[in-house]
Amino acid sequence: MAVSVRLDPVIEAKLTQQATLLGITKSDFIKDAIERVLGIKNPATLLKQVRSNGKMGRPHASANVSATMKARLRAKRPD
């Protein structure tokens, strides 16, 4: 169902800025905010669900960041 809402220009500018920063549409940003306010979507519950599935990503990814970056830079510029 489509709903139309008039926003103050300052609020609309902040909405646009935050949605762009998050890489989502303004519509998705608004829907997410409404779901959270109505208690349909609880960020804490979502976080618990994600964490309960075990380790995520690469747990040792930050172990040798400096050495990895130096190697990548040297590979690009073998001076």
C-alpha atoms as a PDB file:
ATOM      1  CA  MET A   1       0.000   0.000   0.000  1.00  0.00           C
ATOM      2  CA  ALA A   2       1.362   3.397  -0.933  1.00  0.00           C
ATOM      3  CA  VAL A   3       1.428   6.176   1.651  1.00  0.00           C
ATOM      4  CA  SER A   4       2.381   9.781   1.043  1.00  0.00           C
ATOM      5  CA  VAL A   5       4.020  11.859   3.766  1.00  0.00           C
ATOM      6  CA  ARG A   6       5.107  15.490   3.625  1.00  0.00           C
ATOM      7  CA  LEU A   7       8.437  16.123   5.304  1.00  0.00           C
ATOM      8  CA  ASP A   8      10.145  19.279   6.427  1.00  0.00           C
ATOM      9  CA  PRO A   9      12.987  20.046   3.971  1.00  0.00           C
ATOM     10  CA  VAL A  10      15.597  19.656   6.729  1.00  0.00           C
ATOM     11  CA  ILE A  11      14.264  16.229   7.699  1.00  0.00           C
ATOM     12  CA  GLU A  12      14.112  15.157   4.065  1.00  0.00           C
ATOM     13  CA  ALA A  13      17.721  16.240   3.547  1.00  0.00           C
ATOM     14  CA  LYS A  14      18.826  14.225   6.591  1.00  0.00           C
ATOM     15  CA  LEU A  15      16.788  11.251   5.370  1.00  0.00           C
ATOM     16  CA  THR A  16      18.447  11.413   1.959  1.00  0.00           C
ATOM     17  CA  GLN A  17      21.898  11.737   3.525  1.00  0.00           C
ATOM     18  CA  GLN A  18      21.455   8.772   5.884  1.00  0.00           C
ATOM     19  CA  ALA A  19      19.863   6.525   3.256  1.00  0.00           C
ATOM     20  CA  THR A  20      22.721   7.291   0.863  1.00  0.00           C
ATOM     21  CA  LEU A  21      25.265   6.651   3.591  1.00  0.00           C
ATOM     22  CA  LEU A  22      23.687   3.255   4.312  1.00  0.00           C
ATOM     23  CA  GLY A  23      23.347   2.450   0.619  1.00  0.00           C
ATOM     24  CA  ILE A  24      19.586   1.966   0.749  1.00  0.00           C
ATOM     25  CA  THR A  25      16.587   3.770  -0.680  1.00  0.00           C
ATOM     26  CA  LYS A  26      14.694   6.386   1.283  1.00  0.00           C
ATOM     27  CA  SER A  27      11.672   4.109   1.132  1.00  0.00           C
ATOM     28  CA  ASP A  28      13.605   1.206   2.711  1.00  0.00           C
ATOM     29  CA  PHE A  29      14.980   3.535   5.383  1.00  0.00           C
ATOM     30  CA  ILE A  30      11.477   4.732   6.283  1.00  0.00           C
ATOM     31  CA  LYS A  31      10.031   1.194   6.287  1.00  0.00           C
ATOM     32  CA  ASP A  32      12.824   0.009   8.586  1.00  0.00           C
ATOM     33  CA  ALA A  33      12.258   2.926  10.981  1.00  0.00           C
ATOM     34  CA  ILE A  34       8.517   2.275  11.124  1.00  0.00           C
ATOM     35  CA  GLU A  35       9.059  -1.449  11.773  1.00  0.00           C
ATOM     36  CA  ARG A  36      11.410  -0.641  14.656  1.00  0.00           C
ATOM     37  CA  VAL A  37       9.053   1.911  16.200  1.00  0.00           C
ATOM     38  CA  LEU A  38       6.112  -0.495  15.969  1.00  0.00           C
ATOM     39  CA  GLY A  39       8.165  -3.281  17.548  1.00  0.00           C
ATOM     40  CA  ILE A  40       7.988  -5.465  14.452  1.00  0.00           C
ATOM     41  CA  LYS A  41      11.751  -5.368  13.983  1.00  0.00           C
ATOM     42  CA  ASN A  42      14.014  -5.337  17.026  1.00  0.00           C
ATOM     43  CA  PRO A  43      17.712  -4.766  16.223  1.00  0.00           C
ATOM     44  CA  ALA A  44      18.785  -6.548  19.420  1.00  0.00           C
ATOM     45  CA  THR A  45      16.817  -9.662  18.455  1.00  0.00           C
ATOM     46  CA  LEU A  46      18.264  -9.613  14.950  1.00  0.00           C
ATOM     47  CA  LEU A  47      21.781  -9.296  16.370  1.00  0.00           C
ATOM     48  CA  LYS A  48      21.216 -12.263  18.692  1.00  0.00           C
ATOM     49  CA  GLN A  49      20.005 -14.344  15.747  1.00  0.00           C
ATOM     50  CA  VAL A  50      23.085 -13.494  13.724  1.00  0.00           C
ATOM     51  CA  ARG A  51      25.459 -14.186  16.608  1.00  0.00           C
ATOM     52  CA  SER A  52      23.815 -17.500  17.514  1.00  0.00           C
ATOM     53  CA  ASN A  53      24.846 -19.046  14.196  1.00  0.00           C
ATOM     54  CA  GLY A  54      28.505 -19.150  15.189  1.00  0.00           C
ATOM     55  CA  LYS A  55      31.501 -17.263  13.887  1.00  0.00           C
ATOM     56  CA  MET A  56      31.038 -14.955  10.958  1.00  0.00           C
ATOM     57  CA  GLY A  57      33.393 -13.843   8.256  1.00  0.00           C
ATOM     58  CA  ARG A  58      37.124 -14.353   8.586  1.00  0.00           C
ATOM     59  CA  PRO A  59      38.040 -14.273  12.305  1.00  0.00           C
ATOM     60  CA  HIS A  60      41.780 -13.804  11.622  1.00  0.00           C
ATOM     61  CA  ALA A  61      41.391 -11.186   8.887  1.00  0.00           C
ATOM     62  CA  SER A  62      42.919  -8.406  10.984  1.00  0.00           C
ATOM     63  CA  ALA A  63      45.894 -10.449  12.186  1.00  0.00           C
ATOM     64  CA  ASN A  64      48.497  -9.252   9.652  1.00  0.00           C
ATOM     65  CA  VAL A  65      46.900  -6.207   8.092  1.00  0.00           C
ATOM     66  CA  SER A  66      50.144  -4.230   7.790  1.00  0.00           C
ATOM     67  CA  ALA A  67      52.067  -7.041   6.123  1.00  0.00           C
ATOM     68  CA  THR A  68      49.165  -7.808   3.804  1.00  0.00           C
ATOM     69  CA  MET A  69      48.783  -4.175   2.732  1.00  0.00           C
ATOM     70  CA  LYS A  70      52.538  -3.777   2.160  1.00  0.00           C
ATOM     71  CA  ALA A  71      52.567  -6.908  -0.001  1.00  0.00           C
ATOM     72  CA  ARG A  72      49.626  -5.654  -2.062  1.00  0.00           C
ATOM     73  CA  LEU A  73      51.196  -2.232  -2.555  1.00  0.00           C
ATOM     74  CA  ARG A  74      54.522  -3.776  -3.564  1.00  0.00           C
ATOM     75  CA  ALA A  75      52.748  -6.023  -6.047  1.00  0.00           C
ATOM     76  CA  LYS A  76      51.152  -2.960  -7.674  1.00  0.00           C
ATOM     77  CA  ARG A  77      54.385  -0.977  -7.756  1.00  0.00           C
ATOM     78  CA  PRO A  78      57.479  -3.210  -7.895  1.00  0.00           C
ATOM     79  CA  ASP A  79      60.017  -0.321  -7.816  1.00  0.00           C
END
